[in-house]
PDB file of N, CA and C in Angstrom:
ATOM      1  N   MET A   1     114.441  79.717  80.336  1.00  0.00           N
ATOM      2  CA  MET A   1     114.158  79.574  81.590  1.00  0.00           C
ATOM      3  C   MET A   1     114.687  80.957  82.355  1.00  0.00           C
ATOM      4  N   PRO A   2     113.795  81.548  82.918  1.00  0.00           N
ATOM      5  CA  PRO A   2     114.089  82.996  83.568  1.00  0.00           C
ATOM      6  C   PRO A   2     115.343  82.862  84.568  1.00  0.00           C
ATOM      7  N   MET A   3     116.131  83.765  84.351  1.00  0.00           N
ATOM      8  CA  MET A   3     117.213  83.853  85.311  1.00  0.00           C
ATOM      9  C   MET A   3     117.310  84.935  86.462  1.00  0.00           C
ATOM     10  N   ILE A   4     117.477  84.527  87.702  1.00  0.00           N
ATOM     11  CA  ILE A   4     117.470  85.531  88.705  1.00  0.00           C
ATOM     12  C   ILE A   4     118.984  85.417  89.429  1.00  0.00           C
ATOM     13  N   GLY A   5     119.673  86.350  89.443  1.00  0.00           N
ATOM     14  CA  GLY A   5     121.082  86.388  90.035  1.00  0.00           C
ATOM     15  C   GLY A   5     121.811  85.338  89.671  1.00  0.00           C
ATOM     16  N   GLY A   6     121.837  84.863  88.328  1.00  0.00           N
ATOM     17  CA  GLY A   6     122.910  83.901  87.842  1.00  0.00           C
ATOM     18  C   GLY A   6     122.135  82.492  87.911  1.00  0.00           C
ATOM     19  N   THR A   7     120.731  82.071  88.501  1.00  0.00           N
ATOM     20  CA  THR A   7     120.464  81.021  88.792  1.00  0.00           C
ATOM     21  C   THR A   7     119.104  80.910  88.342  1.00  0.00           C
ATOM     22  N   GLY A   8     118.464  79.678  87.796  1.00  0.00           N
ATOM     23  CA  GLY A   8     117.205  79.410  87.169  1.00  0.00           C
ATOM     24  C   GLY A   8     116.036  79.182  88.145  1.00  0.00           C
ATOM     25  N   TRP A   9     114.928  78.957  87.784  1.00  0.00           N
ATOM     26  CA  TRP A   9     114.040  78.723  88.556  1.00  0.00           C
ATOM     27  C   TRP A   9     114.134  77.341  89.061  1.00  0.00           C
ATOM     28  N   ARG A  10     113.660  77.165  90.278  1.00  0.00           N
ATOM     29  CA  ARG A  10     113.894  75.715  91.087  1.00  0.00           C
ATOM     30  C   ARG A  10     112.282  75.304  90.915  1.00  0.00           C
ATOM     31  N   TYR A  11     112.244  73.798  91.260  1.00  0.00           N
ATOM     32  CA  TYR A  11     110.772  73.318  90.994  1.00  0.00           C
ATOM     33  C   TYR A  11     110.542  72.242  92.268  1.00  0.00           C
ATOM     34  N   THR A  12     109.318  72.246  92.586  1.00  0.00           N
ATOM     35  CA  THR A  12     109.203  71.012  93.630  1.00  0.00           C
ATOM     36  C   THR A  12     107.585  70.413  92.897  1.00  0.00           C
ATOM     37  N   HIS A  13     107.846  68.981  93.159  1.00  0.00           N
ATOM     38  CA  HIS A  13     106.887  68.340  92.731  1.00  0.00           C
ATOM     39  C   HIS A  13     105.950  67.774  93.778  1.00  0.00           C
ATOM     40  N   ILE A  14     104.605  68.021  93.670  1.00  0.00           N
ATOM     41  CA  ILE A  14     103.632  67.593  94.771  1.00  0.00           C
ATOM     42  C   ILE A  14     102.469  66.556  93.863  1.00  0.00           C
ATOM     43  N   ASN A  15     102.316  65.374  94.469  1.00  0.00           N
ATOM     44  CA  ASN A  15     101.379  64.364  93.900  1.00  0.00           C
ATOM     45  C   ASN A  15     100.776  63.589  95.154  1.00  0.00           C
ATOM     46  N   SER A  16     100.777  64.160  96.330  1.00  0.00           N
ATOM     47  CA  SER A  16      99.997  63.507  97.317  1.00  0.00           C
ATOM     48  C   SER A  16      99.217  64.448  98.311  1.00  0.00           C
ATOM     49  N   ASN A  17      98.635  63.933  99.224  1.00  0.00           N
ATOM     50  CA  ASN A  17      97.968  64.974 100.422  1.00  0.00           C
ATOM     51  C   ASN A  17      99.244  65.260 101.184  1.00  0.00           C
ATOM     52  N   ALA A  18      99.462  66.229 101.287  1.00  0.00           N
ATOM     53  CA  ALA A  18     100.585  66.564 102.122  1.00  0.00           C
ATOM     54  C   ALA A  18     100.688  68.090 102.575  1.00  0.00           C
ATOM     55  N   THR A  19     101.856  68.282 103.655  1.00  0.00           N
ATOM     56  CA  THR A  19     102.312  69.838 103.908  1.00  0.00           C
ATOM     57  C   THR A  19     103.621  69.685 103.513  1.00  0.00           C
ATOM     58  N   THR A  20     103.773  70.620 102.229  1.00  0.00           N
ATOM     59  CA  THR A  20     105.277  70.718 101.357  1.00  0.00           C
ATOM     60  C   THR A  20     105.693  72.117 101.955  1.00  0.00           C
ATOM     61  N   THR A  21     106.804  72.239 102.502  1.00  0.00           N
ATOM     62  CA  THR A  21     107.394  73.415 102.565  1.00  0.00           C
ATOM     63  C   THR A  21     108.436  73.420 101.257  1.00  0.00           C
ATOM     64  N   VAL A  22     108.109  74.506 100.416  1.00  0.00           N
ATOM     65  CA  VAL A  22     108.697  74.802  99.293  1.00  0.00           C
ATOM     66  C   VAL A  22     109.889  75.785  99.362  1.00  0.00           C
ATOM     67  N   ILE A  23     109.623  76.952  99.934  1.00  0.00           N
ATOM     68  CA  ILE A  23     110.573  78.018 100.122  1.00  0.00           C
ATOM     69  C   ILE A  23     110.898  78.136 101.534  1.00  0.00           C
ATOM     70  N   THR A  24     112.157  78.158 102.191  1.00  0.00           N
ATOM     71  CA  THR A  24     112.412  78.693 103.615  1.00  0.00           C
ATOM     72  C   THR A  24     113.151  80.209 103.390  1.00  0.00           C
ATOM     73  N   GLY A  25     112.610  81.025 104.231  1.00  0.00           N
ATOM     74  CA  GLY A  25     113.061  82.158 103.974  1.00  0.00           C
ATOM     75  C   GLY A  25     112.264  83.128 102.815  1.00  0.00           C
ATOM     76  N   SER A  26     112.726  84.426 102.596  1.00  0.00           N
ATOM     77  CA  SER A  26     112.274  85.194 101.417  1.00  0.00           C
ATOM     78  C   SER A  26     112.542  84.500 100.211  1.00  0.00           C
ATOM     79  N   GLY A  27     111.655  84.777  99.235  1.00  0.00           N
ATOM     80  CA  GLY A  27     111.796  84.065  97.629  1.00  0.00           C
ATOM     81  C   GLY A  27     110.583  84.399  96.829  1.00  0.00           C
ATOM     82  N   THR A  28     110.593  83.933  95.839  1.00  0.00           N
ATOM     83  CA  THR A  28     109.433  84.191  94.856  1.00  0.00           C
ATOM     84  C   THR A  28     108.871  82.756  94.468  1.00  0.00           C
ATOM     85  N   LEU A  29     107.630  82.937  94.553  1.00  0.00           N
ATOM     86  CA  LEU A  29     106.602  82.082  93.991  1.00  0.00           C
ATOM     87  C   LEU A  29     106.044  82.183  92.517  1.00  0.00           C
ATOM     88  N   GLN A  30     106.812  81.505  91.748  1.00  0.00           N
ATOM     89  CA  GLN A  30     106.398  81.845  90.015  1.00  0.00           C
ATOM     90  C   GLN A  30     105.102  81.294  89.462  1.00  0.00           C
ATOM     91  N   ALA A  31     105.054  80.150  89.861  1.00  0.00           N
ATOM     92  CA  ALA A  31     103.675  79.587  89.373  1.00  0.00           C
ATOM     93  C   ALA A  31     103.462  78.123  90.003  1.00  0.00           C
ATOM     94  N   ILE A  32     102.199  77.637  89.974  1.00  0.00           N
ATOM     95  CA  ILE A  32     101.820  76.378  90.376  1.00  0.00           C
ATOM     96  C   ILE A  32     101.133  75.792  89.155  1.00  0.00           C
ATOM     97  N   ILE A  33     101.878  74.771  88.410  1.00  0.00           N
ATOM     98  CA  ILE A  33     101.373  74.051  87.255  1.00  0.00           C
ATOM     99  C   ILE A  33     100.470  72.880  87.716  1.00  0.00           C
ATOM    100  N   VAL A  34      99.389  72.671  87.330  1.00  0.00           N
ATOM    101  CA  VAL A  34      98.605  71.544  87.298  1.00  0.00           C
ATOM    102  C   VAL A  34      98.739  70.610  86.293  1.00  0.00           C
ATOM    103  N   ASN A  35      99.372  69.426  86.721  1.00  0.00           N
ATOM    104  CA  ASN A  35      99.471  68.586  85.610  1.00  0.00           C
ATOM    105  C   ASN A  35      98.364  67.561  85.567  1.00  0.00           C
ATOM    106  N   ALA A  36      97.764  67.274  86.721  1.00  0.00           N
ATOM    107  CA  ALA A  36      96.582  66.316  86.742  1.00  0.00           C
ATOM    108  C   ALA A  36      95.820  66.890  87.893  1.00  0.00           C
ATOM    109  N   PRO A  37      94.672  67.411  87.748  1.00  0.00           N
ATOM    110  CA  PRO A  37      93.569  67.743  88.726  1.00  0.00           C
ATOM    111  C   PRO A  37      93.205  66.792  90.053  1.00  0.00           C
ATOM    112  N   GLY A  38      93.100  65.371  90.033  1.00  0.00           N
ATOM    113  CA  GLY A  38      92.992  64.688  90.819  1.00  0.00           C
ATOM    114  C   GLY A  38      91.244  64.985  91.100  1.00  0.00           C
ATOM    115  N   SER A  39      90.592  64.289  92.340  1.00  0.00           N
ATOM    116  CA  SER A  39      89.250  64.463  92.508  1.00  0.00           C
ATOM    117  C   SER A  39      89.251  65.083  93.869  1.00  0.00           C
ATOM    118  N   ALA A  40      88.255  66.440  93.915  1.00  0.00           N
ATOM    119  CA  ALA A  40      88.101  67.298  94.874  1.00  0.00           C
ATOM    120  C   ALA A  40      89.496  67.362  95.695  1.00  0.00           C
ATOM    121  N   TRP A  41      90.549  67.962  94.927  1.00  0.00           N
ATOM    122  CA  TRP A  41      91.784  68.083  95.456  1.00  0.00           C
ATOM    123  C   TRP A  41      91.816  69.860  95.592  1.00  0.00           C
ATOM    124  N   VAL A  42      92.541  70.332  96.882  1.00  0.00           N
ATOM    125  CA  VAL A  42      92.635  71.695  97.276  1.00  0.00           C
ATOM    126  C   VAL A  42      94.042  71.920  97.530  1.00  0.00           C
ATOM    127  N   ALA A  43      94.576  73.092  97.022  1.00  0.00           N
ATOM    128  CA  ALA A  43      95.933  73.329  97.725  1.00  0.00           C
ATOM    129  C   ALA A  43      95.709  74.834  98.419  1.00  0.00           C
ATOM    130  N   THR A  44      96.067  74.901  99.590  1.00  0.00           N
ATOM    131  CA  THR A  44      96.266  76.058 100.449  1.00  0.00           C
ATOM    132  C   THR A  44      97.509  76.579 100.514  1.00  0.00           C
ATOM    133  N   ILE A  45      98.117  77.921  99.949  1.00  0.00           N
ATOM    134  CA  ILE A  45      99.367  78.468  99.974  1.00  0.00           C
ATOM    135  C   ILE A  45      99.457  79.365 100.853  1.00  0.00           C
ATOM    136  N   TYR A  46     100.720  79.018 101.730  1.00  0.00           N
ATOM    137  CA  TYR A  46     100.908  80.039 102.978  1.00  0.00           C
ATOM    138  C   TYR A  46     102.492  80.963 102.605  1.00  0.00           C
ATOM    139  N   ASP A  47     102.262  82.074 103.361  1.00  0.00           N
ATOM    140  CA  ASP A  47     103.523  82.517 103.345  1.00  0.00           C
ATOM    141  C   ASP A  47     104.145  82.286 104.814  1.00  0.00           C
ATOM    142  N   ASN A  48     104.637  81.010 104.848  1.00  0.00           N
ATOM    143  CA  ASN A  48     105.280  80.698 106.320  1.00  0.00           C
ATOM    144  C   ASN A  48     105.970  79.319 105.710  1.00  0.00           C
ATOM    145  N   THR A  49     106.692  78.712 106.790  1.00  0.00           N
ATOM    146  CA  THR A  49     107.389  77.675 106.751  1.00  0.00           C
ATOM    147  C   THR A  49     106.866  76.417 107.444  1.00  0.00           C
ATOM    148  N   ALA A  50     105.334  76.678 107.573  1.00  0.00           N
ATOM    149  CA  ALA A  50     104.614  75.750 108.003  1.00  0.00           C
ATOM    150  C   ALA A  50     103.262  75.792 107.519  1.00  0.00           C
ATOM    151  N   GLY A  51     102.387  74.964 107.681  1.00  0.00           N
ATOM    152  CA  GLY A  51     100.914  74.798 107.156  1.00  0.00           C
ATOM    153  C   GLY A  51     100.064  75.724 107.770  1.00  0.00           C
ATOM    154  N   SER A  52     100.294  76.827 107.999  1.00  0.00           N
ATOM    155  CA  SER A  52      99.576  78.006 108.854  1.00  0.00           C
ATOM    156  C   SER A  52     100.015  79.292 108.743  1.00  0.00           C
ATOM    157  N   GLY A  53      99.282  80.149 109.283  1.00  0.00           N
ATOM    158  CA  GLY A  53      99.800  81.598 109.381  1.00  0.00           C
ATOM    159  C   GLY A  53      99.004  82.560 108.265  1.00  0.00           C
ATOM    160  N   THR A  54      99.732  83.351 107.418  1.00  0.00           N
ATOM    161  CA  THR A  54      99.230  83.942 106.294  1.00  0.00           C
ATOM    162  C   THR A  54      99.149  83.412 105.191  1.00  0.00           C
ATOM    163  N   VAL A  55      97.704  83.441 104.630  1.00  0.00           N
ATOM    164  CA  VAL A  55      97.342  82.770 103.556  1.00  0.00           C
ATOM    165  C   VAL A  55      97.382  83.553 102.338  1.00  0.00           C
ATOM    166  N   ILE A  56      98.298  82.929 101.144  1.00  0.00           N
ATOM    167  CA  ILE A  56      98.655  83.742 100.059  1.00  0.00           C
ATOM    168  C   ILE A  56      97.310  83.394  98.928  1.00  0.00           C
ATOM    169  N   GLY A  57      96.859  82.001  99.199  1.00  0.00           N
ATOM    170  CA  GLY A  57      95.690  81.656  98.299  1.00  0.00           C
ATOM    171  C   GLY A  57      95.182  80.407  98.413  1.00  0.00           C
ATOM    172  N   ALA A  58      94.185  79.901  97.774  1.00  0.00           N
ATOM    173  CA  ALA A  58      93.617  78.820  97.913  1.00  0.00           C
ATOM    174  C   ALA A  58      93.239  78.374  96.619  1.00  0.00           C
ATOM    175  N   MET A  59      93.280  77.185  96.285  1.00  0.00           N
ATOM    176  CA  MET A  59      93.001  76.516  94.839  1.00  0.00           C
ATOM    177  C   MET A  59      92.105  75.251  94.976  1.00  0.00           C
ATOM    178  N   THR A  60      91.106  75.347  94.321  1.00  0.00           N
ATOM    179  CA  THR A  60      90.301  74.062  94.324  1.00  0.00           C
ATOM    180  C   THR A  60      90.821  73.493  92.815  1.00  0.00           C
ATOM    181  N   ILE A  61      91.616  72.398  92.691  1.00  0.00           N
ATOM    182  CA  ILE A  61      92.021  72.143  91.344  1.00  0.00           C
ATOM    183  C   ILE A  61      91.266  71.093  90.924  1.00  0.00           C
ATOM    184  N   THR A  62      90.519  71.855  90.069  1.00  0.00           N
ATOM    185  CA  THR A  62      89.697  71.048  89.235  1.00  0.00           C
ATOM    186  C   THR A  62      89.855  70.828  87.639  1.00  0.00           C
ATOM    187  N   ALA A  63      90.705  71.596  87.379  1.00  0.00           N
ATOM    188  CA  ALA A  63      91.107  71.680  85.815  1.00  0.00           C
ATOM    189  C   ALA A  63      92.723  72.092  85.757  1.00  0.00           C
ATOM    190  N   ASN A  64      93.275  71.830  84.658  1.00  0.00           N
ATOM    191  CA  ASN A  64      94.665  71.996  84.426  1.00  0.00           C
ATOM    192  C   ASN A  64      94.934  73.569  84.111  1.00  0.00           C
ATOM    193  N   GLN A  65      94.328  74.168  85.191  1.00  0.00           N
ATOM    194  CA  GLN A  65      94.440  76.055  85.215  1.00  0.00           C
ATOM    195  C   GLN A  65      95.576  76.140  86.181  1.00  0.00           C
ATOM    196  N   PRO A  66      96.574  76.947  85.796  1.00  0.00           N
ATOM    197  CA  PRO A  66      97.782  77.303  86.753  1.00  0.00           C
ATOM    198  C   PRO A  66      97.477  78.421  87.721  1.00  0.00           C
ATOM    199  N   PHE A  67      98.281  78.326  88.450  1.00  0.00           N
ATOM    200  CA  PHE A  67      98.351  79.797  89.464  1.00  0.00           C
ATOM    201  C   PHE A  67      99.481  80.506  89.036  1.00  0.00           C
ATOM    202  N   LEU A  68      99.491  81.721  88.742  1.00  0.00           N
ATOM    203  CA  LEU A  68     100.739  82.428  87.887  1.00  0.00           C
ATOM    204  C   LEU A  68     101.003  83.451  88.900  1.00  0.00           C
ATOM    205  N   GLY A  69     102.205  83.714  89.205  1.00  0.00           N
ATOM    206  CA  GLY A  69     102.793  84.759  90.022  1.00  0.00           C
ATOM    207  C   GLY A  69     103.286  85.716  89.207  1.00  0.00           C
ATOM    208  N   PRO A  70     104.546  86.537  89.531  1.00  0.00           N
ATOM    209  CA  PRO A  70     105.254  86.106  90.717  1.00  0.00           C
ATOM    210  C   PRO A  70     104.686  86.743  92.025  1.00  0.00           C
ATOM    211  N   VAL A  71     104.860  86.079  93.129  1.00  0.00           N
ATOM    212  CA  VAL A  71     104.374  86.338  94.381  1.00  0.00           C
ATOM    213  C   VAL A  71     105.733  86.363  95.284  1.00  0.00           C
ATOM    214  N   GLN A  72     106.049  87.457  95.799  1.00  0.00           N
ATOM    215  CA  GLN A  72     107.140  87.346  96.983  1.00  0.00           C
ATOM    216  C   GLN A  72     106.444  87.252  98.230  1.00  0.00           C
ATOM    217  N   VAL A  73     107.293  85.943  98.724  1.00  0.00           N
ATOM    218  CA  VAL A  73     107.240  85.499 100.003  1.00  0.00           C
ATOM    219  C   VAL A  73     108.337  86.074 101.100  1.00  0.00           C
ATOM    220  N   ASN A  74     107.818  86.466 102.240  1.00  0.00           N
ATOM    221  CA  ASN A  74     108.745  86.791 103.139  1.00  0.00           C
ATOM    222  C   ASN A  74     109.198  85.968 104.226  1.00  0.00           C
ATOM    223  N   THR A  75     108.262  85.057 104.296  1.00  0.00           N
ATOM    224  CA  THR A  75     108.902  84.047 105.540  1.00  0.00           C
ATOM    225  C   THR A  75     109.151  82.817 104.985  1.00  0.00           C
ATOM    226  N   GLY A  76     108.550  82.329 103.849  1.00  0.00           N
ATOM    227  CA  GLY A  76     108.626  80.977 103.269  1.00  0.00           C
ATOM    228  C   GLY A  76     107.552  80.766 102.574  1.00  0.00           C
ATOM    229  N   CYS A  77     107.399  79.483 101.780  1.00  0.00           N
ATOM    230  CA  CYS A  77     106.185  79.246 101.162  1.00  0.00           C
ATOM    231  C   CYS A  77     105.875  77.595 101.428  1.00  0.00           C
ATOM    232  N   THR A  78     104.899  77.364 102.102  1.00  0.00           N
ATOM    233  CA  THR A  78     104.254  76.098 102.186  1.00  0.00           C
ATOM    234  C   THR A  78     102.836  75.905 101.479  1.00  0.00           C
ATOM    235  N   ILE A  79     102.730  74.684 101.046  1.00  0.00           N
ATOM    236  CA  ILE A  79     101.540  74.578 100.325  1.00  0.00           C
ATOM    237  C   ILE A  79     101.000  73.148 100.887  1.00  0.00           C
ATOM    238  N   VAL A  80      99.782  73.263 101.430  1.00  0.00           N
ATOM    239  CA  VAL A  80      99.195  72.103 101.976  1.00  0.00           C
ATOM    240  C   VAL A  80      98.036  71.527 100.834  1.00  0.00           C
ATOM    241  N   THR A  81      98.199  70.405 100.553  1.00  0.00           N
ATOM    242  CA  THR A  81      97.246  69.630  99.468  1.00  0.00           C
ATOM    243  C   THR A  81      96.414  68.600 100.324  1.00  0.00           C
ATOM    244  N   SER A  82      95.026  68.567 100.012  1.00  0.00           N
ATOM    245  CA  SER A  82      94.123  67.602 100.635  1.00  0.00           C
ATOM    246  C   SER A  82      92.877  67.531  99.804  1.00  0.00           C
ATOM    247  N   GLY A  83      92.227  66.152  99.856  1.00  0.00           N
ATOM    248  CA  GLY A  83      91.168  66.076  98.904  1.00  0.00           C
ATOM    249  C   GLY A  83      91.114  64.529  98.835  1.00  0.00           C
ATOM    250  N   THR A  84      90.267  64.064  97.832  1.00  0.00           N
ATOM    251  CA  THR A  84      89.585  62.816  97.961  1.00  0.00           C
ATOM    252  C   THR A  84      90.678  61.973  97.254  1.00  0.00           C
ATOM    253  N   THR A  85      91.152  62.471  96.214  1.00  0.00           N
ATOM    254  CA  THR A  85      92.197  61.797  95.325  1.00  0.00           C
ATOM    255  C   THR A  85      93.116  62.724  94.880  1.00  0.00           C
ATOM    256  N   PRO A  86      94.342  62.424  95.037  1.00  0.00           N
ATOM    257  CA  PRO A  86      95.501  63.738  94.861  1.00  0.00           C
ATOM    258  C   PRO A  86      95.726  63.842  93.260  1.00  0.00           C
ATOM    259  N   GLY A  87      96.174  64.714  92.963  1.00  0.00           N
ATOM    260  CA  GLY A  87      96.627  65.210  91.514  1.00  0.00           C
ATOM    261  C   GLY A  87      98.019  65.318  91.443  1.00  0.00           C
ATOM    262  N   ASP A  88      98.420  66.115  90.450  1.00  0.00           N
ATOM    263  CA  ASP A  88      99.903  66.204  90.147  1.00  0.00           C
ATOM    264  C   ASP A  88      99.925  67.762  90.263  1.00  0.00           C
ATOM    265  N   LEU A  89     101.058  68.329  90.704  1.00  0.00           N
ATOM    266  CA  LEU A  89     101.428  69.789  90.832  1.00  0.00           C
ATOM    267  C   LEU A  89     102.831  69.843  90.445  1.00  0.00           C
ATOM    268  N   THR A  90     103.299  70.994  89.764  1.00  0.00           N
ATOM    269  CA  THR A  90     104.706  71.313  89.571  1.00  0.00           C
ATOM    270  C   THR A  90     104.722  72.804  90.131  1.00  0.00           C
ATOM    271  N   VAL A  91     105.476  73.111  91.154  1.00  0.00           N
ATOM    272  CA  VAL A  91     105.726  74.505  91.740  1.00  0.00           C
ATOM    273  C   VAL A  91     107.021  75.079  91.270  1.00  0.00           C
ATOM    274  N   LEU A  92     106.817  76.369  90.647  1.00  0.00           N
ATOM    275  CA  LEU A  92     108.096  77.070  89.854  1.00  0.00           C
ATOM    276  C   LEU A  92     108.436  78.089  91.076  1.00  0.00           C
ATOM    277  N   TRP A  93     109.606  78.171  91.583  1.00  0.00           N
ATOM    278  CA  TRP A  93     110.146  79.044  92.782  1.00  0.00           C
ATOM    279  C   TRP A  93     111.711  79.579  92.320  1.00  0.00           C
ATOM    280  N   ALA A  94     111.776  80.603  93.195  1.00  0.00           N
ATOM    281  CA  ALA A  94     113.258  81.107  93.388  1.00  0.00           C
ATOM    282  C   ALA A  94     113.570  81.562  94.769  1.00  0.00           C
TER     283      ALA A  94
END
């Protein structure tokens, strides 16, 4: 596991249609791992502590293909997931 400042990466698990704040304040989004794609499932990633503002990117989650960083966020990182049938994601961050 990569180490930053003596600590390892943290993770957040997402498996529903939701607005999930992953990071509050500045930090690093390392990866979004798709464990299961769901059906017509989309994730929009914001540099913010809310589901609005600066968009880092959007993923249509149709396969087990990860989003790879690292991406530095300034305000925070919030991921909004929506779609017909939720899948399963693991977000790695520091």
